[in-house]
Amino acid sequence: MSTCVFIQIRCKPGTTYKVAEEIALREIHSELYSTSGEYDLLLKLYIPEAEDVGHFINENLLVISGIERSLTTMTFKAF
């Protein structure tokens, strides 16, 4: 079973569209939204079962140029 995480991304000024495009090209996301407030993008991502969550995010997402900061929220099956 894959792990669902939500990642809020703050981009360097003027790079939000480029970051979003790079995420889309990598085809690793389930959903991607532009947001207002402290963060610029909200990403829903399913981590493959055999992957370490931290390594997957660092190696596939946070290497994208223009990302200034991120906040990851892990999800757990409640019921």
N, C-alpha and C. Protein backbone atom coordinates (compact mmCIF):
# COMPACT_ATOMS: atom_id res chain seq x y z
N MET A 1 0.84 -1.18 0.00
CA MET A 1 0.00 0.00 0.00
C MET A 1 0.89 1.24 0.00
N SER A 2 0.60 2.19 -0.87
CA SER A 2 1.40 3.40 -0.95
C SER A 2 1.00 4.38 0.16
N THR A 3 1.92 5.28 0.48
CA THR A 3 1.69 6.29 1.51
C THR A 3 1.29 7.60 0.85
N CYS A 4 0.20 8.18 1.30
CA CYS A 4 -0.26 9.46 0.76
C CYS A 4 0.33 10.58 1.61
N VAL A 5 0.94 11.56 0.96
CA VAL A 5 1.46 12.74 1.65
C VAL A 5 0.97 13.98 0.92
N PHE A 6 0.83 15.05 1.67
CA PHE A 6 0.53 16.36 1.12
C PHE A 6 1.75 17.22 1.35
N ILE A 7 2.20 17.91 0.32
CA ILE A 7 3.39 18.73 0.42
C ILE A 7 3.05 20.15 -0.01
N GLN A 8 3.27 21.09 0.90
CA GLN A 8 3.12 22.49 0.58
C GLN A 8 4.49 23.01 0.15
N ILE A 9 4.53 23.77 -0.91
CA ILE A 9 5.79 24.22 -1.49
C ILE A 9 5.81 25.74 -1.58
N ARG A 10 6.86 26.33 -1.03
CA ARG A 10 7.10 27.76 -1.21
C ARG A 10 8.17 27.90 -2.28
N CYS A 11 7.88 28.70 -3.28
CA CYS A 11 8.81 28.90 -4.40
C CYS A 11 9.53 30.23 -4.27
N LYS A 12 10.70 30.30 -4.85
CA LYS A 12 11.39 31.59 -4.93
C LYS A 12 10.54 32.51 -5.79
N PRO A 13 10.54 33.81 -5.49
CA PRO A 13 9.70 34.74 -6.25
C PRO A 13 9.90 34.60 -7.76
N GLY A 14 8.78 34.54 -8.47
CA GLY A 14 8.80 34.46 -9.92
C GLY A 14 9.02 33.08 -10.50
N THR A 15 9.09 32.03 -9.67
CA THR A 15 9.38 30.69 -10.19
C THR A 15 8.24 29.70 -10.03
N THR A 16 7.11 30.13 -9.51
CA THR A 16 6.02 29.19 -9.20
C THR A 16 5.57 28.41 -10.43
N TYR A 17 5.37 29.09 -11.56
CA TYR A 17 4.91 28.38 -12.76
C TYR A 17 5.96 27.41 -13.28
N LYS A 18 7.22 27.78 -13.20
CA LYS A 18 8.29 26.88 -13.64
C LYS A 18 8.38 25.65 -12.74
N VAL A 19 8.24 25.86 -11.44
CA VAL A 19 8.27 24.73 -10.50
C VAL A 19 7.08 23.81 -10.77
N ALA A 20 5.90 24.37 -10.92
CA ALA A 20 4.70 23.56 -11.19
C ALA A 20 4.85 22.77 -12.48
N GLU A 21 5.40 23.41 -13.50
CA GLU A 21 5.61 22.72 -14.78
C GLU A 21 6.59 21.56 -14.62
N GLU A 22 7.65 21.77 -13.89
CA GLU A 22 8.64 20.70 -13.68
C GLU A 22 8.04 19.54 -12.90
N ILE A 23 7.22 19.83 -11.91
CA ILE A 23 6.54 18.77 -11.16
C ILE A 23 5.63 17.98 -12.10
N ALA A 24 4.86 18.68 -12.92
CA ALA A 24 3.96 18.01 -13.86
C ALA A 24 4.72 17.12 -14.83
N LEU A 25 5.85 17.60 -15.32
CA LEU A 25 6.65 16.81 -16.27
C LEU A 25 7.21 15.53 -15.65
N ARG A 26 7.47 15.57 -14.35
CA ARG A 26 8.02 14.38 -13.67
C ARG A 26 6.95 13.31 -13.43
N GLU A 27 5.68 13.68 -13.53
CA GLU A 27 4.55 12.75 -13.38
C GLU A 27 4.64 11.94 -12.08
N ILE A 28 4.96 12.61 -10.99
CA ILE A 28 5.03 11.92 -9.69
C ILE A 28 3.86 12.29 -8.78
N HIS A 29 3.06 13.26 -9.19
CA HIS A 29 1.99 13.75 -8.33
C HIS A 29 0.64 13.12 -8.67
N SER A 30 -0.25 13.18 -7.69
CA SER A 30 -1.63 12.79 -7.91
C SER A 30 -2.46 14.03 -8.23
N GLU A 31 -2.23 15.09 -7.44
CA GLU A 31 -2.93 16.36 -7.64
C GLU A 31 -1.95 17.49 -7.33
N LEU A 32 -2.10 18.61 -8.03
CA LEU A 32 -1.24 19.77 -7.83
C LEU A 32 -2.10 21.03 -7.94
N TYR A 33 -2.01 21.88 -6.92
CA TYR A 33 -2.82 23.10 -6.87
C TYR A 33 -1.95 24.31 -6.59
N SER A 34 -2.33 25.44 -7.14
CA SER A 34 -1.77 26.72 -6.76
C SER A 34 -2.56 27.21 -5.56
N THR A 35 -1.87 27.77 -4.57
CA THR A 35 -2.54 28.21 -3.35
C THR A 35 -2.14 29.64 -3.00
N SER A 36 -2.91 30.26 -2.14
CA SER A 36 -2.56 31.58 -1.63
C SER A 36 -2.08 31.41 -0.19
N GLY A 37 -1.35 32.38 0.29
CA GLY A 37 -0.88 32.32 1.67
C GLY A 37 0.61 32.09 1.74
N GLU A 38 1.03 31.42 2.79
CA GLU A 38 2.46 31.22 3.05
C GLU A 38 3.16 30.34 2.01
N TYR A 39 2.42 29.41 1.42
CA TYR A 39 2.97 28.50 0.41
C TYR A 39 2.31 28.76 -0.94
N ASP A 40 3.00 28.41 -2.00
CA ASP A 40 2.53 28.69 -3.36
C ASP A 40 1.84 27.52 -4.04
N LEU A 41 2.25 26.29 -3.70
CA LEU A 41 1.71 25.09 -4.33
C LEU A 41 1.34 24.07 -3.27
N LEU A 42 0.33 23.27 -3.56
CA LEU A 42 -0.06 22.14 -2.72
C LEU A 42 -0.06 20.91 -3.60
N LEU A 43 0.68 19.91 -3.18
CA LEU A 43 0.89 18.71 -3.96
C LEU A 43 0.40 17.49 -3.18
N LYS A 44 -0.41 16.66 -3.81
CA LYS A 44 -0.80 15.38 -3.23
C LYS A 44 0.02 14.32 -3.95
N LEU A 45 0.70 13.50 -3.17
CA LEU A 45 1.66 12.56 -3.73
C LEU A 45 1.52 11.21 -3.04
N TYR A 46 1.55 10.15 -3.82
CA TYR A 46 1.56 8.80 -3.26
C TYR A 46 2.97 8.24 -3.38
N ILE A 47 3.56 7.91 -2.25
CA ILE A 47 4.91 7.35 -2.22
C ILE A 47 4.80 5.85 -2.48
N PRO A 48 5.52 5.32 -3.47
CA PRO A 48 5.46 3.88 -3.73
C PRO A 48 5.82 3.07 -2.49
N GLU A 49 5.21 1.92 -2.36
CA GLU A 49 5.33 1.09 -1.15
C GLU A 49 6.78 0.78 -0.78
N ALA A 50 7.61 0.49 -1.73
CA ALA A 50 8.99 0.08 -1.45
C ALA A 50 9.93 1.26 -1.19
N GLU A 51 9.44 2.49 -1.29
CA GLU A 51 10.29 3.67 -1.17
C GLU A 51 10.25 4.28 0.24
N ASP A 52 11.38 4.83 0.65
CA ASP A 52 11.45 5.61 1.88
C ASP A 52 10.86 7.00 1.58
N VAL A 53 9.97 7.47 2.42
CA VAL A 53 9.27 8.73 2.17
C VAL A 53 10.25 9.89 2.01
N GLY A 54 11.15 10.05 2.96
CA GLY A 54 12.09 11.16 2.93
C GLY A 54 13.00 11.12 1.72
N HIS A 55 13.54 9.96 1.41
CA HIS A 55 14.41 9.84 0.25
C HIS A 55 13.66 10.13 -1.04
N PHE A 56 12.44 9.61 -1.15
CA PHE A 56 11.65 9.81 -2.38
C PHE A 56 11.39 11.29 -2.61
N ILE A 57 10.98 11.99 -1.56
CA ILE A 57 10.68 13.42 -1.69
C ILE A 57 11.94 14.20 -2.01
N ASN A 58 13.02 13.92 -1.30
CA ASN A 58 14.27 14.65 -1.53
C ASN A 58 14.83 14.40 -2.92
N GLU A 59 14.77 13.18 -3.40
CA GLU A 59 15.39 12.82 -4.67
C GLU A 59 14.53 13.14 -5.89
N ASN A 60 13.20 13.20 -5.71
CA ASN A 60 12.31 13.40 -6.85
C ASN A 60 11.62 14.75 -6.90
N LEU A 61 11.55 15.44 -5.78
CA LEU A 61 10.83 16.70 -5.74
C LEU A 61 11.70 17.88 -5.33
N LEU A 62 12.38 17.76 -4.22
CA LEU A 62 13.09 18.91 -3.67
C LEU A 62 14.35 19.28 -4.42
N VAL A 63 14.71 18.52 -5.42
CA VAL A 63 15.85 18.87 -6.28
C VAL A 63 15.45 19.85 -7.38
N ILE A 64 14.17 20.16 -7.48
CA ILE A 64 13.68 21.06 -8.51
C ILE A 64 14.12 22.49 -8.18
N SER A 65 14.73 23.13 -9.14
CA SER A 65 15.19 24.49 -8.98
C SER A 65 14.00 25.42 -8.77
N GLY A 66 14.12 26.33 -7.82
CA GLY A 66 13.06 27.29 -7.54
C GLY A 66 12.29 26.98 -6.27
N ILE A 67 12.45 25.78 -5.73
CA ILE A 67 11.78 25.45 -4.47
C ILE A 67 12.60 26.03 -3.33
N GLU A 68 11.95 26.86 -2.53
CA GLU A 68 12.62 27.52 -1.42
C GLU A 68 12.42 26.76 -0.11
N ARG A 69 11.21 26.23 0.08
CA ARG A 69 10.88 25.54 1.34
C ARG A 69 9.69 24.63 1.09
N SER A 70 9.59 23.59 1.91
CA SER A 70 8.43 22.70 1.80
C SER A 70 7.98 22.27 3.19
N LEU A 71 6.73 21.85 3.25
CA LEU A 71 6.14 21.33 4.49
C LEU A 71 5.37 20.07 4.11
N THR A 72 5.79 18.94 4.63
CA THR A 72 5.17 17.66 4.29
C THR A 72 4.25 17.20 5.42
N THR A 73 3.03 16.82 5.05
CA THR A 73 2.08 16.26 6.00
C THR A 73 1.83 14.81 5.61
N MET A 74 2.18 13.90 6.51
CA MET A 74 1.96 12.46 6.27
C MET A 74 0.52 12.14 6.65
N THR A 75 -0.05 11.16 5.97
CA THR A 75 -1.39 10.70 6.30
C THR A 75 -1.35 9.26 6.81
N PHE A 76 -2.34 8.93 7.61
CA PHE A 76 -2.45 7.59 8.19
C PHE A 76 -3.90 7.15 8.10
N LYS A 77 -4.11 5.89 7.90
CA LYS A 77 -5.48 5.37 7.82
C LYS A 77 -6.12 5.48 9.20
N ALA A 78 -7.21 6.22 9.29
CA ALA A 78 -7.86 6.47 10.58
C ALA A 78 -8.91 5.41 10.91
N PHE A 79 -9.50 4.82 9.90
CA PHE A 79 -10.58 3.86 10.16
C PHE A 79 -10.34 2.60 9.40
